[in-house]
Structures are given as structure tokens and as C-alpha cells.
Amino acid sequence: MDGQMRTGPRNLITDVAGLRVGQSQDLMVKTGVTVLLGDVPFVAGVHVMGGAPGTRETDLLAPDKTVQAVDALVLSGGSAFGLDAASGVADGLRAMGRGFVVGAVRVPIVPGAILFDLGNGGAKDWAENPYKALGLQALMAASETFALGSEGAGTGATTANFRGGLGSASVVLPSGHTVGALVAVNALGSATVGDGPHFWAAPFEIDAEYGGRGVAQTYPKPAIPATKLRAHANTTIGIIATDAVLTKAGCTRLATAAHDGFARALVPAHTPMDGDLIFAAATCARPLDNPLADALYLGHAAATAMARAIARAIFAARALPGDTQPAWADRHG
């Protein structure tokens, strides 16, 4: 990666000051929820490039819509059931006194996105949808530090060949702006070159953060199992965040640029069977000195940080009972 760039102190999205991440998981169901929470509401945007998305309250993030800031963003397993995780987060935020005021009521704004993890070997015969409770648990666990791999929304995630997972990475630009990525990797494609130890994102690695294996020397044709070719059965969902001052339109452009990170780290990406989606969040703490050039480098940093976060998710994933796929670490760690 560019020699002028370095990671933040945690190499997590929470290197963007004022942001925290909370996670919860149910290992029996083999699923979970990840929440990005701001100390105060933040500007947000979204861009979808996959063919099978599942979302809540994303329309209001369009630049022409009235709402200008959100309280939290939610990534969840569970397919359509997982959309209920945002309800638990909204309930928790309201109890904290968060949300915009409408008369005597506070209404938290909590957009969310889901991935499909219903075929991963976990127990899905619940009597009551578990995701609302998981959402509240994740919110209450929000912290500046959090675990990667088989955690949160990445608990039950899979890829074409290895366990998926939850990843994060950060970068500090020469301008002083910080960009952080958070991603739950449940892709139809693969983050590795064949079944070997090398990651597609190898050219962007910093300080051996996913093993320092370098670039692969051979490139076998990707093999996609039939179970991953089912429509609506995949999806990589992520968040890119910055402390830069951005409008909703600027956040939308940042999310769009971050999708290049999906394409650099997953082969194939953005397929009709994936619901690939990226939220963008801006805390607006640091102005852009040169709006044109700084915005260009923010987009570059967003793409590379997202690619690194994807590789880190697979690198950190661990085996769980009943898995349908091996963890990368069990084969190559």
C-alpha cells in the first residue's frame, strides 16, 4: 500500500474518533449482529452493487431525502429475519434518550442490512425471532475495541471455500483524515486464490495483518460450490467510515468507491446471488482542506481499507461445531 499511509492505533473502524462497535452472537443458531454506534448522530450514505440485497431504512440515506443524520448502522445475519435486529437497536437507543424528537417521542434512525446465513449448520428452528434481542445485546456491548473473525454478523458467514467472518481495518491519510472499514464477509466468491493461503487483497496488506503471505504465483480458476449458487444465499455487507466533513452525497460517493475493495478482495464479487452493500458514515470532525484532492484520496483509502478488512475477516475466522466449511486458520495458520 502507499508508503504515505499507515493504520490507526487499533487498525479498526473505531480509529475514527466518536465511533464504537458492538457485537452479539448465538452460537447455537450460528449467527449474530454487529452495530456501529456514534457518540452523536452522523451523516450516512449507502450504495448497493449486489443483485440480492436485504435492507431497512436505506431509502432515507439518498442525498435528496430529508433525514440528515443517523444514530446507528446495523449489520446482521439471518436473511430477512435479521432485519429485526435494527428494531432492538432502536428500542435501546430510545431508552438512552437517542433519536430525533417528534412531540413527546424520540425516534432513533437505524438503517440496516442483512446477509444469508441460514444454511450454515446452525439450529434455525427458533420459536421466536432472536434478532431483536441480539440487536439490543450488540448495542449494549458497543466499545472502541472488538473482536474479528467468527463474531457478530460474521459468526455464521461463509465464502466459496472457507469460513467467512467479520473484518475491520483503518488507514490514516497524509492529510490527517482517518478512514475505517467494517465488513461481514458471506460472499459467493472467495477471498483467497484457490484453496491456498494467499489472499486476493495481498497487494494492500500492511504489517502482515493477514499473515504476510504475499502475492500468489499461480491463479487457478475459482470454484464455486452449488450451495453458494442459490439466489439470495450470500452477501457481503460493510461500512466505511471517516472523520472527514462530508455531505450525504459525499458519503454515497465514498460508499461507491469502497466497493472497489470488494472487487479487489473477492473473486467473483457483486454477483446476482450476492446482496453486496456498503454504508458510509462521516463524523464530520475534520474539514477537507482541498475538497477535490482530499475526496479522491478518501475514496482510494476506502477501497484499500475495505479490501484489507475482508482479508482480515477470513484470516481471523475460527471453526465452530457443525461447520460446513473449514476455517482458513485450520488449513494455513
Protein backbone atom coordinates (compact mmCIF):
# COMPACT_ATOMS: atom_id res chain seq x y z
CA MET A 1 0.00 0.00 0.00
CA ASP A 2 1.05 3.62 -0.38
CA GLY A 3 4.06 4.36 1.78
CA GLN A 4 2.43 7.58 2.98
CA MET A 5 -0.44 5.66 4.59
CA ARG A 6 -0.48 3.93 7.97
CA THR A 7 -3.09 2.21 10.07
CA GLY A 8 -4.74 3.82 13.05
CA PRO A 9 -3.74 2.67 16.55
CA ARG A 10 -6.26 -0.20 16.64
CA ASN A 11 -6.45 -0.96 12.90
CA LEU A 12 -10.24 -0.93 13.39
CA ILE A 13 -13.08 1.27 12.18
CA THR A 14 -13.18 2.74 15.69
CA ASP A 15 -9.95 4.57 14.91
CA VAL A 16 -12.43 7.12 13.59
CA ALA A 17 -12.98 9.03 16.82
CA GLY A 18 -16.53 9.03 18.15
CA LEU A 19 -17.49 5.62 16.77
CA ARG A 20 -17.98 2.37 18.67
CA VAL A 21 -18.84 -1.16 17.59
CA GLY A 22 -20.95 -3.66 19.49
CA GLN A 23 -21.44 -7.33 18.68
CA SER A 24 -23.56 -10.26 19.80
CA GLN A 25 -23.86 -13.84 18.62
CA ASP A 26 -25.84 -17.02 19.20
CA LEU A 27 -23.51 -19.97 18.64
CA MET A 28 -26.36 -22.48 18.59
CA VAL A 29 -28.12 -20.64 15.79
CA LYS A 30 -24.67 -19.76 14.42
CA THR A 31 -25.48 -16.15 13.66
CA GLY A 32 -25.01 -12.68 15.07
CA VAL A 33 -25.31 -8.91 14.86
CA THR A 34 -22.82 -6.05 14.57
CA VAL A 35 -23.75 -2.43 15.36
CA LEU A 36 -21.85 0.76 14.53
CA LEU A 37 -22.81 3.45 17.03
CA GLY A 38 -21.84 7.11 17.05
CA ASP A 39 -21.39 9.18 20.19
CA VAL A 40 -23.67 11.60 18.36
CA PRO A 41 -25.68 11.17 15.14
CA PHE A 42 -23.56 11.00 11.99
CA VAL A 43 -24.03 11.63 8.28
CA ALA A 44 -24.52 8.45 6.25
CA GLY A 45 -24.94 7.16 2.72
CA VAL A 46 -25.28 3.76 1.04
CA HIS A 47 -24.52 2.06 -2.25
CA VAL A 48 -25.74 -1.38 -3.38
CA MET A 49 -23.99 -3.35 -6.12
CA GLY A 50 -25.16 -6.90 -5.46
CA GLY A 51 -28.23 -8.43 -7.04
CA ALA A 52 -29.97 -9.70 -3.87
CA PRO A 53 -29.88 -7.06 -1.09
CA GLY A 54 -31.88 -7.07 2.13
CA THR A 55 -32.16 -3.69 3.82
CA ARG A 56 -34.01 -1.45 6.25
CA GLU A 57 -34.33 2.36 6.03
CA THR A 58 -31.80 2.76 3.23
CA ASP A 59 -34.05 4.95 1.05
CA LEU A 60 -33.78 7.81 3.54
CA LEU A 61 -30.00 7.88 3.02
CA ALA A 62 -30.39 9.20 -0.53
CA PRO A 63 -28.96 12.72 -0.84
CA ASP A 64 -32.36 14.23 -1.68
CA LYS A 65 -34.15 12.81 1.38
CA THR A 66 -34.91 14.89 4.47
CA VAL A 67 -33.11 12.93 7.20
CA GLN A 68 -29.57 14.29 7.54
CA ALA A 69 -28.06 12.00 10.20
CA VAL A 70 -28.50 8.53 11.70
CA ASP A 71 -27.92 7.15 15.19
CA ALA A 72 -26.52 3.72 14.28
CA LEU A 73 -25.97 1.25 11.46
CA VAL A 74 -26.68 -2.48 11.77
CA LEU A 75 -25.18 -5.50 10.01
CA SER A 76 -26.92 -8.79 10.75
CA GLY A 77 -27.12 -12.43 9.82
CA GLY A 78 -30.47 -14.15 9.45
CA SER A 79 -31.61 -13.09 5.99
CA ALA A 80 -34.99 -11.29 6.23
CA PHE A 81 -35.37 -12.37 9.87
CA GLY A 82 -32.22 -10.40 10.67
CA LEU A 83 -33.81 -7.09 9.70
CA ASP A 84 -35.47 -7.22 13.12
CA ALA A 85 -32.06 -6.62 14.74
CA ALA A 86 -32.42 -2.93 13.98
CA SER A 87 -35.66 -2.86 15.99
CA GLY A 88 -33.76 -3.99 19.08
CA VAL A 89 -31.13 -1.32 18.46
CA ALA A 90 -33.83 1.34 18.01
CA ASP A 91 -35.51 0.31 21.27
CA GLY A 92 -32.21 0.53 23.11
CA LEU A 93 -31.36 3.92 21.66
CA ARG A 94 -34.77 5.28 22.57
CA ALA A 95 -34.27 4.12 26.15
CA MET A 96 -30.96 6.03 26.12
CA GLY A 97 -32.77 9.20 25.03
CA ARG A 98 -31.41 8.99 21.47
CA GLY A 99 -33.34 9.84 18.30
CA PHE A 100 -34.94 12.86 16.72
CA VAL A 101 -37.77 14.49 18.66
CA VAL A 102 -41.35 14.29 17.37
CA GLY A 103 -43.62 15.76 20.02
CA ALA A 104 -43.13 13.69 23.16
CA VAL A 105 -41.45 10.83 21.28
CA ARG A 106 -37.86 10.18 20.25
CA VAL A 107 -37.36 8.22 17.02
CA PRO A 108 -33.89 6.70 16.51
CA ILE A 109 -32.83 6.32 12.86
CA VAL A 110 -31.20 2.90 12.40
CA PRO A 111 -30.61 1.68 8.83
CA GLY A 112 -29.55 -1.93 8.48
CA ALA A 113 -28.56 -4.68 6.08
CA ILE A 114 -28.59 -8.47 6.30
CA LEU A 115 -26.71 -11.46 4.94
CA PHE A 116 -27.94 -15.02 4.36
CA ASP A 117 -26.52 -17.49 6.89
CA LEU A 118 -29.48 -19.87 7.19
CA GLY A 119 -27.69 -22.85 5.61
CA ASN A 120 -24.53 -22.94 7.73
CA GLY A 121 -25.30 -25.85 10.03
CA GLY A 122 -26.75 -23.87 12.95
CA ALA A 123 -30.10 -24.52 14.64
CA LYS A 124 -32.69 -22.38 12.84
CA ASP A 125 -35.84 -23.86 14.43
CA TRP A 126 -36.37 -20.96 16.82
CA ALA A 127 -39.85 -20.38 18.29
CA GLU A 128 -39.32 -16.61 18.33
CA ASN A 129 -37.18 -14.47 16.05
CA PRO A 130 -33.91 -13.99 18.02
CA TYR A 131 -32.60 -10.98 16.13
CA LYS A 132 -34.33 -8.17 18.02
CA ALA A 133 -32.72 -9.38 21.25
CA LEU A 134 -29.37 -9.86 19.52
CA GLY A 135 -29.56 -6.30 18.20
CA LEU A 136 -30.10 -4.89 21.68
CA GLN A 137 -27.28 -7.03 23.08
CA ALA A 138 -24.92 -5.78 20.39
CA LEU A 139 -25.84 -2.15 21.09
CA MET A 140 -25.20 -2.54 24.82
CA ALA A 141 -21.77 -4.06 24.09
CA ALA A 142 -20.60 -1.11 21.97
CA SER A 143 -16.91 -0.35 22.55
CA GLU A 144 -13.85 1.07 20.83
CA THR A 145 -12.34 -2.43 20.75
CA PHE A 146 -13.98 -5.56 19.35
CA ALA A 147 -13.06 -9.00 18.04
CA LEU A 148 -12.68 -10.06 14.41
CA GLY A 149 -13.41 -13.34 12.67
CA SER A 150 -16.33 -15.53 13.79
CA GLU A 151 -18.01 -12.70 15.65
CA GLY A 152 -21.12 -10.56 15.33
CA ALA A 153 -22.66 -10.53 11.87
CA GLY A 154 -19.79 -12.72 10.67
CA THR A 155 -20.49 -15.57 13.12
CA GLY A 156 -22.21 -17.80 10.58
CA ALA A 157 -20.79 -16.38 7.37
CA THR A 158 -19.26 -18.50 4.62
CA THR A 159 -17.42 -17.98 1.33
CA ALA A 160 -16.84 -20.25 -1.65
CA ASN A 161 -14.14 -22.24 0.13
CA PHE A 162 -13.53 -21.04 3.70
CA ARG A 163 -15.45 -19.74 6.66
CA GLY A 164 -16.44 -16.11 6.32
CA GLY A 165 -16.29 -13.66 9.16
CA LEU A 166 -16.23 -10.11 10.50
CA GLY A 167 -13.30 -7.88 9.50
CA SER A 168 -12.11 -4.35 10.09
CA ALA A 169 -9.16 -2.14 9.13
CA SER A 170 -8.17 1.51 9.18
CA VAL A 171 -5.83 3.94 7.49
CA VAL A 172 -4.64 7.45 8.32
CA LEU A 173 -4.09 9.66 5.29
CA PRO A 174 -1.29 12.22 4.92
CA SER A 175 -3.99 14.88 5.29
CA GLY A 176 -4.66 13.55 8.81
CA HIS A 177 -8.07 12.11 7.94
CA THR A 178 -8.86 8.62 9.18
CA VAL A 179 -10.80 6.05 7.17
CA GLY A 180 -12.03 2.79 8.69
CA ALA A 181 -13.78 -0.26 7.25
CA LEU A 182 -16.07 -2.84 8.86
CA VAL A 183 -17.36 -5.83 6.89
CA ALA A 184 -19.24 -9.10 7.30
CA VAL A 185 -17.98 -11.44 4.58
CA ASN A 186 -20.53 -14.00 3.37
CA ALA A 187 -19.58 -14.00 -0.30
CA LEU A 188 -20.42 -16.31 -3.15
CA GLY A 189 -16.81 -15.84 -4.22
CA SER A 190 -13.51 -16.47 -2.47
CA ALA A 191 -11.15 -14.16 -0.59
CA THR A 192 -8.24 -16.48 -1.35
CA VAL A 193 -6.55 -17.57 -4.56
CA GLY A 194 -7.96 -21.07 -4.91
CA ASP A 195 -7.79 -23.04 -1.66
CA GLY A 196 -4.28 -21.81 -0.94
CA PRO A 197 -3.10 -19.40 1.76
CA HIS A 198 -2.78 -16.31 -0.43
CA PHE A 199 -5.35 -13.53 -0.32
CA TRP A 200 -6.52 -11.58 -3.34
CA ALA A 201 -6.02 -8.47 -1.17
CA ALA A 202 -2.31 -9.24 -0.68
CA PRO A 203 -1.04 -6.12 -2.55
CA PHE A 204 -2.75 -3.87 0.01
CA GLU A 205 -1.61 -5.61 3.20
CA ILE A 206 0.01 -3.54 5.95
CA ASP A 207 2.39 -5.05 8.55
CA ALA A 208 1.48 -8.70 7.83
CA GLU A 209 -2.05 -8.08 9.16
CA TYR A 210 -3.31 -11.23 7.41
CA GLY A 211 -0.26 -13.41 7.52
CA GLY A 212 2.19 -11.67 5.19
CA ARG A 213 1.99 -14.48 2.63
CA GLY A 214 2.46 -12.10 -0.28
CA VAL A 215 1.04 -12.42 -3.77
CA ALA A 216 0.16 -15.84 -5.24
CA GLN A 217 2.29 -17.14 -8.08
CA THR A 218 -0.44 -19.22 -9.74
CA TYR A 219 -4.09 -18.34 -10.30
CA PRO A 220 -6.45 -21.32 -10.57
CA LYS A 221 -9.96 -20.84 -11.87
CA PRO A 222 -12.35 -20.01 -9.00
CA ALA A 223 -14.53 -22.98 -7.98
CA ILE A 224 -17.97 -22.06 -6.64
CA PRO A 225 -19.90 -24.81 -4.78
CA ALA A 226 -23.52 -25.40 -5.80
CA THR A 227 -24.74 -24.40 -2.33
CA LYS A 228 -23.39 -20.88 -2.89
CA LEU A 229 -25.03 -20.52 -6.30
CA ARG A 230 -28.54 -20.35 -4.85
CA ALA A 231 -30.17 -16.97 -5.34
CA HIS A 232 -30.25 -14.72 -2.24
CA ALA A 233 -27.93 -17.13 -0.35
CA ASN A 234 -24.83 -14.94 0.01
CA THR A 235 -23.97 -11.24 0.53
CA THR A 236 -21.05 -9.18 1.81
CA ILE A 237 -22.19 -6.13 3.78
CA GLY A 238 -19.95 -3.41 5.12
CA ILE A 239 -19.48 0.09 6.47
CA ILE A 240 -16.82 2.61 5.53
CA ALA A 241 -16.33 5.50 7.97
CA THR A 242 -14.31 8.69 8.14
CA ASP A 243 -13.83 11.74 10.32
CA ALA A 244 -13.91 13.97 7.23
CA VAL A 245 -16.65 16.54 6.73
CA LEU A 246 -18.92 15.00 4.09
CA THR A 247 -22.48 15.57 2.93
CA LYS A 248 -24.89 12.71 2.28
CA ALA A 249 -23.85 12.90 -1.37
CA GLY A 250 -20.20 12.69 -0.34
CA CYS A 251 -20.95 9.64 1.81
CA THR A 252 -22.73 8.00 -1.11
CA ARG A 253 -19.67 8.59 -3.29
CA LEU A 254 -17.40 7.19 -0.56
CA ALA A 255 -19.53 4.03 -0.30
CA THR A 256 -19.40 3.67 -4.08
CA ALA A 257 -15.60 3.91 -4.10
CA ALA A 258 -15.36 1.37 -1.26
CA HIS A 259 -16.99 -1.26 -3.48
CA ASP A 260 -13.68 -1.40 -5.35
CA GLY A 261 -12.38 -3.06 -2.19
CA PHE A 262 -14.92 -5.86 -2.63
CA ALA A 263 -13.72 -6.39 -6.19
CA ARG A 264 -10.05 -6.40 -5.11
CA ALA A 265 -10.57 -8.88 -2.28
CA LEU A 266 -13.31 -11.26 -3.52
CA VAL A 267 -13.44 -13.25 -6.76
CA PRO A 268 -16.07 -13.01 -8.12
CA ALA A 269 -17.80 -10.05 -6.47
CA HIS A 270 -21.11 -8.23 -6.98
CA THR A 271 -22.82 -11.27 -8.47
CA PRO A 272 -26.59 -11.69 -8.99
CA MET A 273 -26.58 -14.07 -6.00
CA ASP A 274 -24.89 -11.56 -3.66
CA GLY A 275 -26.59 -8.61 -1.99
CA ASP A 276 -23.34 -6.64 -1.72
CA LEU A 277 -23.91 -3.34 0.07
CA ILE A 278 -21.75 -0.69 1.73
CA PHE A 279 -22.87 2.04 4.11
CA ALA A 280 -20.71 5.13 4.57
CA ALA A 281 -20.53 7.16 7.77
CA ALA A 282 -18.95 10.56 8.37
CA THR A 283 -18.48 12.08 11.82
CA CYS A 284 -17.57 15.41 10.18
CA ALA A 285 -14.89 16.25 12.75
CA ARG A 286 -12.14 17.22 10.28
CA PRO A 287 -12.71 19.60 7.33
CA LEU A 288 -11.29 18.90 3.88
CA ASP A 289 -8.51 21.38 3.16
CA ASN A 290 -8.58 20.55 -0.53
CA PRO A 291 -12.07 19.18 -1.26
CA LEU A 292 -11.23 17.81 -4.71
CA ALA A 293 -7.92 16.09 -3.93
CA ASP A 294 -8.88 15.02 -0.40
CA ALA A 295 -12.10 13.40 -1.65
CA LEU A 296 -10.09 11.47 -4.24
CA TYR A 297 -7.73 10.07 -1.61
CA LEU A 298 -10.61 9.30 0.75
CA GLY A 299 -12.09 7.09 -1.96
CA HIS A 300 -8.76 5.37 -2.55
CA ALA A 301 -8.35 4.76 1.18
CA ALA A 302 -11.91 3.45 1.44
CA ALA A 303 -11.29 0.83 -1.27
CA THR A 304 -7.98 -0.38 0.13
CA ALA A 305 -9.19 -0.43 3.75
CA MET A 306 -12.24 -2.44 2.72
CA ALA A 307 -10.11 -4.97 0.81
CA ARG A 308 -7.85 -5.38 3.85
CA ALA A 309 -10.85 -5.76 6.19
CA ILE A 310 -12.21 -8.59 4.03
CA ALA A 311 -8.93 -10.49 4.17
CA ARG A 312 -8.66 -9.92 7.92
CA ALA A 313 -12.14 -11.40 8.39
CA ILE A 314 -11.14 -14.68 6.75
CA PHE A 315 -7.73 -14.71 8.43
CA ALA A 316 -9.29 -14.36 11.91
CA ALA A 317 -12.24 -16.76 11.47
CA ARG A 318 -12.30 -19.81 13.73
CA ALA A 319 -14.04 -23.17 13.47
CA LEU A 320 -17.37 -23.73 15.22
CA PRO A 321 -19.21 -27.03 15.82
CA GLY A 322 -21.23 -28.20 12.83
CA ASP A 323 -19.40 -26.01 10.32
CA THR A 324 -19.96 -26.72 6.64
CA GLN A 325 -16.56 -25.26 5.72
CA PRO A 326 -13.07 -25.14 7.23
CA ALA A 327 -11.55 -22.01 8.71
CA TRP A 328 -8.57 -20.53 6.86
CA ALA A 329 -6.52 -20.77 10.04
CA ASP A 330 -7.11 -24.52 10.32
CA ARG A 331 -5.71 -25.08 6.83
CA HIS A 332 -2.98 -22.45 6.68
CA GLY A 333 -2.48 -20.91 10.11
